[in-house]
Each structure stands twice: as structure tokens, then as C-alpha cells.
Amino acid sequence: MNKQQVIEAIANEIDVTKATVAACLDSFFSTVTKTLKKKGDVRFVGFGTFTTAKRKATTGRNPRTGAAIKIPASIQPKFKPGKALKDALN
């Protein structure tokens, strides 16, 4: 399911315009991104938690040449599903 399909499904379910849903969804993504940039967590009880994790710098290999390359340290987004979401899928 892509973003447009999600927007259409939500708009049909709650009987609002697609533009309204698109604005809400864009605002949601923006808010989650800003919060994660500040190293905060976004928690939805039962659904899951968005967090960040630090990834150490490592040395990798170029698969074509075999040459060693440095992979810099980075911060990665993480999502941990909540119990209600897990239960709904099983």
C-alpha cells in the first residue's frame, strides 16, 4: 500500500477530503521526523514506538573491487511494534 492508497482509504473511512487527509499525514510525518531528530521517541500505546539508534562506524568492502571502504557512524530510525499490533497480525 502506498501513500496515495492510504490517503484514499482513510478519506473513505472517515468521510473527509483526500486533501485534508494528505495534510494530516504530511504533518504526522514531519512531526515524527522532527522528534526523532531531537533524539526523542514517538509512542503509540498498542501500535508501536518510533526511536533512533546509533550505528558505529565500520569498515566494509566494495563487492566489485574488494577494496576496503569506511562506512561512517550514523543514526538510524527504528520502529518497535506494540503488543496490540503484534496480536492483530497473529
PDB file of N, CA and C in Angstrom:
ATOM      1  N   MET A   1       0.860  -1.167   0.000  1.00  0.00           N
ATOM      2  CA  MET A   1       0.000   0.000   0.000  1.00  0.00           C
ATOM      3  C   MET A   1       0.906   1.230   0.000  1.00  0.00           C
ATOM      4  N   ASN A   2       0.672   2.141  -0.932  1.00  0.00           N
ATOM      5  CA  ASN A   2       1.482   3.356  -0.977  1.00  0.00           C
ATOM      6  C   ASN A   2       0.742   4.519  -0.314  1.00  0.00           C
ATOM      7  N   LYS A   3       1.393   5.671  -0.283  1.00  0.00           N
ATOM      8  CA  LYS A   3       0.841   6.831   0.427  1.00  0.00           C
ATOM      9  C   LYS A   3      -0.525   7.239  -0.129  1.00  0.00           C
ATOM     10  N   GLN A   4      -0.664   7.272  -1.441  1.00  0.00           N
ATOM     11  CA  GLN A   4      -1.944   7.676  -2.036  1.00  0.00           C
ATOM     12  C   GLN A   4      -3.070   6.702  -1.689  1.00  0.00           C
ATOM     13  N   GLN A   5      -2.758   5.424  -1.641  1.00  0.00           N
ATOM     14  CA  GLN A   5      -3.759   4.426  -1.269  1.00  0.00           C
ATOM     15  C   GLN A   5      -4.163   4.573   0.195  1.00  0.00           C
ATOM     16  N   VAL A   6      -3.212   4.889   1.052  1.00  0.00           N
ATOM     17  CA  VAL A   6      -3.521   5.120   2.464  1.00  0.00           C
ATOM     18  C   VAL A   6      -4.420   6.345   2.599  1.00  0.00           C
ATOM     19  N   ILE A   7      -4.070   7.411   1.889  1.00  0.00           N
ATOM     20  CA  ILE A   7      -4.875   8.635   1.939  1.00  0.00           C
ATOM     21  C   ILE A   7      -6.302   8.349   1.491  1.00  0.00           C
ATOM     22  N   GLU A   8      -6.452   7.623   0.406  1.00  0.00           N
ATOM     23  CA  GLU A   8      -7.783   7.310  -0.110  1.00  0.00           C
ATOM     24  C   GLU A   8      -8.573   6.441   0.875  1.00  0.00           C
ATOM     25  N   ALA A   9      -7.927   5.445   1.465  1.00  0.00           N
ATOM     26  CA  ALA A   9      -8.604   4.565   2.422  1.00  0.00           C
ATOM     27  C   ALA A   9      -9.080   5.333   3.651  1.00  0.00           C
ATOM     28  N   ILE A  10      -8.233   6.204   4.178  1.00  0.00           N
ATOM     29  CA  ILE A  10      -8.605   6.985   5.359  1.00  0.00           C
ATOM     30  C   ILE A  10      -9.724   7.964   5.014  1.00  0.00           C
ATOM     31  N   ALA A  11      -9.611   8.623   3.862  1.00  0.00           N
ATOM     32  CA  ALA A  11     -10.636   9.584   3.448  1.00  0.00           C
ATOM     33  C   ALA A  11     -11.992   8.906   3.307  1.00  0.00           C
ATOM     34  N   ASN A  12     -12.013   7.708   2.753  1.00  0.00           N
ATOM     35  CA  ASN A  12     -13.270   6.968   2.606  1.00  0.00           C
ATOM     36  C   ASN A  12     -13.821   6.500   3.951  1.00  0.00           C
ATOM     37  N   GLU A  13     -12.917   6.107   4.841  1.00  0.00           N
ATOM     38  CA  GLU A  13     -13.356   5.578   6.141  1.00  0.00           C
ATOM     39  C   GLU A  13     -13.954   6.651   7.041  1.00  0.00           C
ATOM     40  N   ILE A  14     -13.368   7.847   7.043  1.00  0.00           N
ATOM     41  CA  ILE A  14     -13.874   8.873   7.963  1.00  0.00           C
ATOM     42  C   ILE A  14     -14.629   9.990   7.245  1.00  0.00           C
ATOM     43  N   ASP A  15     -14.843   9.825   5.944  1.00  0.00           N
ATOM     44  CA  ASP A  15     -15.669  10.737   5.153  1.00  0.00           C
ATOM     45  C   ASP A  15     -15.177  12.188   5.198  1.00  0.00           C
ATOM     46  N   VAL A  16     -13.886  12.375   4.845  1.00  0.00           N
ATOM     47  CA  VAL A  16     -13.305  13.709   4.682  1.00  0.00           C
ATOM     48  C   VAL A  16     -12.597  13.742   3.333  1.00  0.00           C
ATOM     49  N   THR A  17     -12.150  14.924   2.929  1.00  0.00           N
ATOM     50  CA  THR A  17     -11.488  15.036   1.636  1.00  0.00           C
ATOM     51  C   THR A  17     -10.084  14.432   1.680  1.00  0.00           C
ATOM     52  N   LYS A  18      -9.630  14.023   0.510  1.00  0.00           N
ATOM     53  CA  LYS A  18      -8.276  13.475   0.405  1.00  0.00           C
ATOM     54  C   LYS A  18      -7.241  14.544   0.751  1.00  0.00           C
ATOM     55  N   ALA A  19      -7.525  15.798   0.417  1.00  0.00           N
ATOM     56  CA  ALA A  19      -6.591  16.886   0.718  1.00  0.00           C
ATOM     57  C   ALA A  19      -6.407  17.044   2.222  1.00  0.00           C
ATOM     58  N   THR A  20      -7.486  16.898   2.968  1.00  0.00           N
ATOM     59  CA  THR A  20      -7.410  17.008   4.426  1.00  0.00           C
ATOM     60  C   THR A  20      -6.565  15.875   5.002  1.00  0.00           C
ATOM     61  N   VAL A  21      -6.805  14.670   4.522  1.00  0.00           N
ATOM     62  CA  VAL A  21      -6.046  13.512   4.997  1.00  0.00           C
ATOM     63  C   VAL A  21      -4.578  13.659   4.609  1.00  0.00           C
ATOM     64  N   ALA A  22      -4.300  14.115   3.382  1.00  0.00           N
ATOM     65  CA  ALA A  22      -2.919  14.288   2.932  1.00  0.00           C
ATOM     66  C   ALA A  22      -2.184  15.302   3.806  1.00  0.00           C
ATOM     67  N   ALA A  23      -2.867  16.401   4.153  1.00  0.00           N
ATOM     68  CA  ALA A  23      -2.254  17.412   5.020  1.00  0.00           C
ATOM     69  C   ALA A  23      -1.963  16.845   6.406  1.00  0.00           C
ATOM     70  N   CYS A  24      -2.897  16.075   6.939  1.00  0.00           N
ATOM     71  CA  CYS A  24      -2.702  15.454   8.258  1.00  0.00           C
ATOM     72  C   CYS A  24      -1.544  14.459   8.227  1.00  0.00           C
ATOM     73  N   LEU A  25      -1.493  13.650   7.184  1.00  0.00           N
ATOM     74  CA  LEU A  25      -0.440  12.642   7.067  1.00  0.00           C
ATOM     75  C   LEU A  25       0.933  13.303   6.911  1.00  0.00           C
ATOM     76  N   ASP A  26       1.010  14.350   6.096  1.00  0.00           N
ATOM     77  CA  ASP A  26       2.269  15.080   5.939  1.00  0.00           C
ATOM     78  C   ASP A  26       2.712  15.707   7.262  1.00  0.00           C
ATOM     79  N   SER A  27       1.761  16.237   8.010  1.00  0.00           N
ATOM     80  CA  SER A  27       2.059  16.817   9.312  1.00  0.00           C
ATOM     81  C   SER A  27       2.554  15.745  10.280  1.00  0.00           C
ATOM     82  N   PHE A  28       1.939  14.581  10.230  1.00  0.00           N
ATOM     83  CA  PHE A  28       2.362  13.456  11.076  1.00  0.00           C
ATOM     84  C   PHE A  28       3.809  13.076  10.769  1.00  0.00           C
ATOM     85  N   PHE A  29       4.134  12.896   9.485  1.00  0.00           N
ATOM     86  CA  PHE A  29       5.495  12.528   9.101  1.00  0.00           C
ATOM     87  C   PHE A  29       6.496  13.589   9.544  1.00  0.00           C
ATOM     88  N   SER A  30       6.132  14.845   9.363  1.00  0.00           N
ATOM     89  CA  SER A  30       7.004  15.951   9.751  1.00  0.00           C
ATOM     90  C   SER A  30       7.245  15.961  11.254  1.00  0.00           C
ATOM     91  N   THR A  31       6.197  15.758  12.023  1.00  0.00           N
ATOM     92  CA  THR A  31       6.305  15.764  13.483  1.00  0.00           C
ATOM     93  C   THR A  31       7.167  14.603  13.972  1.00  0.00           C
ATOM     94  N   VAL A  32       6.965  13.420  13.417  1.00  0.00           N
ATOM     95  CA  VAL A  32       7.770  12.256  13.809  1.00  0.00           C
ATOM     96  C   VAL A  32       9.235  12.510  13.466  1.00  0.00           C
ATOM     97  N   THR A  33       9.495  13.033  12.277  1.00  0.00           N
ATOM     98  CA  THR A  33      10.867  13.300  11.848  1.00  0.00           C
ATOM     99  C   THR A  33      11.542  14.314  12.763  1.00  0.00           C
ATOM    100  N   LYS A  34      10.861  15.405  13.072  1.00  0.00           N
ATOM    101  CA  LYS A  34      11.425  16.433  13.951  1.00  0.00           C
ATOM    102  C   LYS A  34      11.723  15.875  15.334  1.00  0.00           C
ATOM    103  N   THR A  35      10.821  15.063  15.853  1.00  0.00           N
ATOM    104  CA  THR A  35      11.010  14.480  17.180  1.00  0.00           C
ATOM    105  C   THR A  35      12.201  13.528  17.189  1.00  0.00           C
ATOM    106  N   LEU A  36      12.329  12.694  16.155  1.00  0.00           N
ATOM    107  CA  LEU A  36      13.454  11.762  16.088  1.00  0.00           C
ATOM    108  C   LEU A  36      14.775  12.506  15.904  1.00  0.00           C
ATOM    109  N   LYS A  37      14.771  13.611  15.173  1.00  0.00           N
ATOM    110  CA  LYS A  37      15.988  14.415  15.019  1.00  0.00           C
ATOM    111  C   LYS A  37      16.464  14.955  16.352  1.00  0.00           C
ATOM    112  N   LYS A  38      15.526  15.245  17.255  1.00  0.00           N
ATOM    113  CA  LYS A  38      15.865  15.752  18.582  1.00  0.00           C
ATOM    114  C   LYS A  38      16.154  14.605  19.552  1.00  0.00           C
ATOM    115  N   LYS A  39      16.288  13.394  19.009  1.00  0.00           N
ATOM    116  CA  LYS A  39      16.568  12.177  19.788  1.00  0.00           C
ATOM    117  C   LYS A  39      15.441  11.803  20.741  1.00  0.00           C
ATOM    118  N   GLY A  40      14.218  12.185  20.396  1.00  0.00           N
ATOM    119  CA  GLY A  40      13.051  11.816  21.186  1.00  0.00           C
ATOM    120  C   GLY A  40      12.403  10.547  20.635  1.00  0.00           C
ATOM    121  N   ASP A  41      11.429  10.046  21.342  1.00  0.00           N
ATOM    122  CA  ASP A  41      10.665   8.876  20.923  1.00  0.00           C
ATOM    123  C   ASP A  41       9.235   9.293  20.622  1.00  0.00           C
ATOM    124  N   VAL A  42       8.597   8.584  19.707  1.00  0.00           N
ATOM    125  CA  VAL A  42       7.183   8.792  19.416  1.00  0.00           C
ATOM    126  C   VAL A  42       6.489   7.472  19.728  1.00  0.00           C
ATOM    127  N   ARG A  43       5.585   7.493  20.723  1.00  0.00           N
ATOM    128  CA  ARG A  43       4.951   6.258  21.201  1.00  0.00           C
ATOM    129  C   ARG A  43       3.451   6.286  20.985  1.00  0.00           C
ATOM    130  N   PHE A  44       2.958   5.202  20.445  1.00  0.00           N
ATOM    131  CA  PHE A  44       1.526   4.984  20.296  1.00  0.00           C
ATOM    132  C   PHE A  44       1.215   3.685  21.019  1.00  0.00           C
ATOM    133  N   VAL A  45       0.600   3.804  22.193  1.00  0.00           N
ATOM    134  CA  VAL A  45       0.328   2.634  23.021  1.00  0.00           C
ATOM    135  C   VAL A  45      -0.483   1.626  22.214  1.00  0.00           C
ATOM    136  N   GLY A  46       0.005   0.406  22.172  1.00  0.00           N
ATOM    137  CA  GLY A  46      -0.657  -0.663  21.445  1.00  0.00           C
ATOM    138  C   GLY A  46      -0.199  -0.779  20.009  1.00  0.00           C
ATOM    139  N   PHE A  47       0.196   0.336  19.380  1.00  0.00           N
ATOM    140  CA  PHE A  47       0.628   0.292  17.981  1.00  0.00           C
ATOM    141  C   PHE A  47       2.135   0.102  17.873  1.00  0.00           C
ATOM    142  N   GLY A  48       2.905   0.978  18.530  1.00  0.00           N
ATOM    143  CA  GLY A  48       4.356   0.834  18.471  1.00  0.00           C
ATOM    144  C   GLY A  48       5.079   2.111  18.830  1.00  0.00           C
ATOM    145  N   THR A  49       6.413   2.039  18.766  1.00  0.00           N
ATOM    146  CA  THR A  49       7.264   3.157  19.149  1.00  0.00           C
ATOM    147  C   THR A  49       8.314   3.407  18.075  1.00  0.00           C
ATOM    148  N   PHE A  50       8.432   4.672  17.669  1.00  0.00           N
ATOM    149  CA  PHE A  50       9.500   5.100  16.772  1.00  0.00           C
ATOM    150  C   PHE A  50      10.634   5.624  17.637  1.00  0.00           C
ATOM    151  N   THR A  51      11.843   5.126  17.415  1.00  0.00           N
ATOM    152  CA  THR A  51      13.019   5.558  18.155  1.00  0.00           C
ATOM    153  C   THR A  51      14.197   5.703  17.192  1.00  0.00           C
ATOM    154  N   THR A  52      15.342   6.079  17.739  1.00  0.00           N
ATOM    155  CA  THR A  52      16.573   6.117  16.951  1.00  0.00           C
ATOM    156  C   THR A  52      17.617   5.256  17.637  1.00  0.00           C
ATOM    157  N   ALA A  53      18.592   4.815  16.842  1.00  0.00           N
ATOM    158  CA  ALA A  53      19.698   4.029  17.380  1.00  0.00           C
ATOM    159  C   ALA A  53      20.982   4.482  16.696  1.00  0.00           C
ATOM    160  N   LYS A  54      22.046   4.551  17.474  1.00  0.00           N
ATOM    161  CA  LYS A  54      23.346   4.918  16.919  1.00  0.00           C
ATOM    162  C   LYS A  54      23.970   3.686  16.268  1.00  0.00           C
ATOM    163  N   ARG A  55      24.585   3.915  15.135  1.00  0.00           N
ATOM    164  CA  ARG A  55      25.280   2.850  14.434  1.00  0.00           C
ATOM    165  C   ARG A  55      26.754   3.216  14.376  1.00  0.00           C
ATOM    166  N   LYS A  56      27.621   2.333  14.804  1.00  0.00           N
ATOM    167  CA  LYS A  56      29.050   2.604  14.839  1.00  0.00           C
ATOM    168  C   LYS A  56      29.635   2.668  13.429  1.00  0.00           C
ATOM    169  N   ALA A  57      30.746   3.380  13.308  1.00  0.00           N
ATOM    170  CA  ALA A  57      31.489   3.392  12.052  1.00  0.00           C
ATOM    171  C   ALA A  57      32.113   2.016  11.854  1.00  0.00           C
ATOM    172  N   THR A  58      32.082   1.529  10.631  1.00  0.00           N
ATOM    173  CA  THR A  58      32.649   0.212  10.332  1.00  0.00           C
ATOM    174  C   THR A  58      33.446   0.281   9.038  1.00  0.00           C
ATOM    175  N   THR A  59      34.139  -0.794   8.771  1.00  0.00           N
ATOM    176  CA  THR A  59      34.851  -0.927   7.511  1.00  0.00           C
ATOM    177  C   THR A  59      34.143  -1.990   6.691  1.00  0.00           C
ATOM    178  N   GLY A  60      33.808  -1.640   5.469  1.00  0.00           N
ATOM    179  CA  GLY A  60      33.150  -2.587   4.581  1.00  0.00           C
ATOM    180  C   GLY A  60      34.031  -2.879   3.384  1.00  0.00           C
ATOM    181  N   ARG A  61      33.505  -3.642   2.456  1.00  0.00           N
ATOM    182  CA  ARG A  61      34.251  -3.990   1.246  1.00  0.00           C
ATOM    183  C   ARG A  61      33.412  -3.668   0.022  1.00  0.00           C
ATOM    184  N   ASN A  62      34.070  -3.096  -0.980  1.00  0.00           N
ATOM    185  CA  ASN A  62      33.423  -2.872  -2.259  1.00  0.00           C
ATOM    186  C   ASN A  62      33.292  -4.242  -2.925  1.00  0.00           C
ATOM    187  N   PRO A  63      32.068  -4.686  -3.257  1.00  0.00           N
ATOM    188  CA  PRO A  63      31.902  -6.034  -3.804  1.00  0.00           C
ATOM    189  C   PRO A  63      32.573  -6.221  -5.175  1.00  0.00           C
ATOM    190  N   ARG A  64      32.734  -5.161  -5.934  1.00  0.00           N
ATOM    191  CA  ARG A  64      33.364  -5.287  -7.260  1.00  0.00           C
ATOM    192  C   ARG A  64      34.878  -5.401  -7.176  1.00  0.00           C
ATOM    193  N   THR A  65      35.477  -4.511  -6.366  1.00  0.00           N
ATOM    194  CA  THR A  65      36.943  -4.446  -6.338  1.00  0.00           C
ATOM    195  C   THR A  65      37.546  -5.118  -5.115  1.00  0.00           C
ATOM    196  N   GLY A  66      36.748  -5.313  -4.090  1.00  0.00           N
ATOM    197  CA  GLY A  66      37.277  -5.882  -2.857  1.00  0.00           C
ATOM    198  C   GLY A  66      37.995  -4.856  -2.000  1.00  0.00           C
ATOM    199  N   ALA A  67      38.023  -3.612  -2.440  1.00  0.00           N
ATOM    200  CA  ALA A  67      38.714  -2.555  -1.695  1.00  0.00           C
ATOM    201  C   ALA A  67      37.955  -2.229  -0.414  1.00  0.00           C
ATOM    202  N   ALA A  68      38.706  -1.946   0.635  1.00  0.00           N
ATOM    203  CA  ALA A  68      38.099  -1.582   1.920  1.00  0.00           C
ATOM    204  C   ALA A  68      37.554  -0.163   1.824  1.00  0.00           C
ATOM    205  N   ILE A  69      36.360   0.041   2.370  1.00  0.00           N
ATOM    206  CA  ILE A  69      35.770   1.377   2.424  1.00  0.00           C
ATOM    207  C   ILE A  69      35.309   1.642   3.847  1.00  0.00           C
ATOM    208  N   LYS A  70      35.353   2.911   4.233  1.00  0.00           N
ATOM    209  CA  LYS A  70      34.902   3.285   5.567  1.00  0.00           C
ATOM    210  C   LYS A  70      33.428   3.654   5.505  1.00  0.00           C
ATOM    211  N   ILE A  71      32.651   3.061   6.375  1.00  0.00           N
ATOM    212  CA  ILE A  71      31.231   3.383   6.500  1.00  0.00           C
ATOM    213  C   ILE A  71      31.104   4.238   7.753  1.00  0.00           C
ATOM    214  N   PRO A  72      30.691   5.503   7.597  1.00  0.00           N
ATOM    215  CA  PRO A  72      30.662   6.404   8.752  1.00  0.00           C
ATOM    216  C   PRO A  72      29.572   6.033   9.762  1.00  0.00           C
ATOM    217  N   ALA A  73      29.752   6.489  10.981  1.00  0.00           N
ATOM    218  CA  ALA A  73      28.731   6.311  12.014  1.00  0.00           C
ATOM    219  C   ALA A  73      27.490   7.078  11.602  1.00  0.00           C
ATOM    220  N   SER A  74      26.335   6.594  12.016  1.00  0.00           N
ATOM    221  CA  SER A  74      25.085   7.266  11.659  1.00  0.00           C
ATOM    222  C   SER A  74      24.016   6.980  12.704  1.00  0.00           C
ATOM    223  N   ILE A  75      22.935   7.710  12.590  1.00  0.00           N
ATOM    224  CA  ILE A  75      21.775   7.484  13.452  1.00  0.00           C
ATOM    225  C   ILE A  75      20.677   6.906  12.580  1.00  0.00           C
ATOM    226  N   GLN A  76      20.137   5.775  12.982  1.00  0.00           N
ATOM    227  CA  GLN A  76      19.136   5.055  12.202  1.00  0.00           C
ATOM    228  C   GLN A  76      17.771   5.108  12.888  1.00  0.00           C
ATOM    229  N   PRO A  77      16.702   5.286  12.114  1.00  0.00           N
ATOM    230  CA  PRO A  77      15.368   5.214  12.712  1.00  0.00           C
ATOM    231  C   PRO A  77      14.998   3.757  12.982  1.00  0.00           C
ATOM    232  N   LYS A  78      14.244   3.535  14.041  1.00  0.00           N
ATOM    233  CA  LYS A  78      13.799   2.191  14.408  1.00  0.00           C
ATOM    234  C   LYS A  78      12.313   2.234  14.731  1.00  0.00           C
ATOM    235  N   PHE A  79      11.630   1.135  14.507  1.00  0.00           N
ATOM    236  CA  PHE A  79      10.229   1.003  14.890  1.00  0.00           C
ATOM    237  C   PHE A  79      10.061  -0.314  15.613  1.00  0.00           C
ATOM    238  N   LYS A  80       9.478  -0.250  16.790  1.00  0.00           N
ATOM    239  CA  LYS A  80       9.206  -1.463  17.558  1.00  0.00           C
ATOM    240  C   LYS A  80       7.686  -1.595  17.679  1.00  0.00           C
ATOM    241  N   PRO A  81       7.109  -2.647  17.094  1.00  0.00           N
ATOM    242  CA  PRO A  81       5.649  -2.798  17.162  1.00  0.00           C
ATOM    243  C   PRO A  81       5.167  -3.071  18.574  1.00  0.00           C
ATOM    244  N   GLY A  82       3.975  -2.566  18.875  1.00  0.00           N
ATOM    245  CA  GLY A  82       3.362  -2.783  20.186  1.00  0.00           C
ATOM    246  C   GLY A  82       2.614  -4.104  20.243  1.00  0.00           C
ATOM    247  N   LYS A  83       2.191  -4.468  21.428  1.00  0.00           N
ATOM    248  CA  LYS A  83       1.521  -5.754  21.653  1.00  0.00           C
ATOM    249  C   LYS A  83       0.227  -5.880  20.862  1.00  0.00           C
ATOM    250  N   ALA A  84      -0.579  -4.833  20.830  1.00  0.00           N
ATOM    251  CA  ALA A  84      -1.861  -4.902  20.118  1.00  0.00           C
ATOM    252  C   ALA A  84      -1.642  -5.123  18.623  1.00  0.00           C
ATOM    253  N   LEU A  85      -0.616  -4.485  18.051  1.00  0.00           N
ATOM    254  CA  LEU A  85      -0.327  -4.667  16.629  1.00  0.00           C
ATOM    255  C   LEU A  85       0.143  -6.085  16.361  1.00  0.00           C
ATOM    256  N   LYS A  86       1.021  -6.586  17.218  1.00  0.00           N
ATOM    257  CA  LYS A  86       1.504  -7.962  17.065  1.00  0.00           C
ATOM    258  C   LYS A  86       0.372  -8.960  17.176  1.00  0.00           C
ATOM    259  N   ASP A  87      -0.500  -8.742  18.161  1.00  0.00           N
ATOM    260  CA  ASP A  87      -1.634  -9.649  18.367  1.00  0.00           C
ATOM    261  C   ASP A  87      -2.592  -9.615  17.188  1.00  0.00           C
ATOM    262  N   ALA A  88      -2.771  -8.448  16.591  1.00  0.00           N
ATOM    263  CA  ALA A  88      -3.683  -8.327  15.447  1.00  0.00           C
ATOM    264  C   ALA A  88      -3.173  -9.091  14.234  1.00  0.00           C
ATOM    265  N   LEU A  89      -1.862  -9.255  14.140  1.00  0.00           N
ATOM    266  CA  LEU A  89      -1.278  -9.950  12.995  1.00  0.00           C
ATOM    267  C   LEU A  89      -1.176 -11.456  13.199  1.00  0.00           C
ATOM    268  N   ASN A  90      -1.307 -11.910  14.406  1.00  0.00           N
ATOM    269  CA  ASN A  90      -1.156 -13.358  14.683  1.00  0.00           C
ATOM    270  C   ASN A  90      -2.454 -13.988  15.100  1.00  0.00           C
TER     271      ASN A  90
END
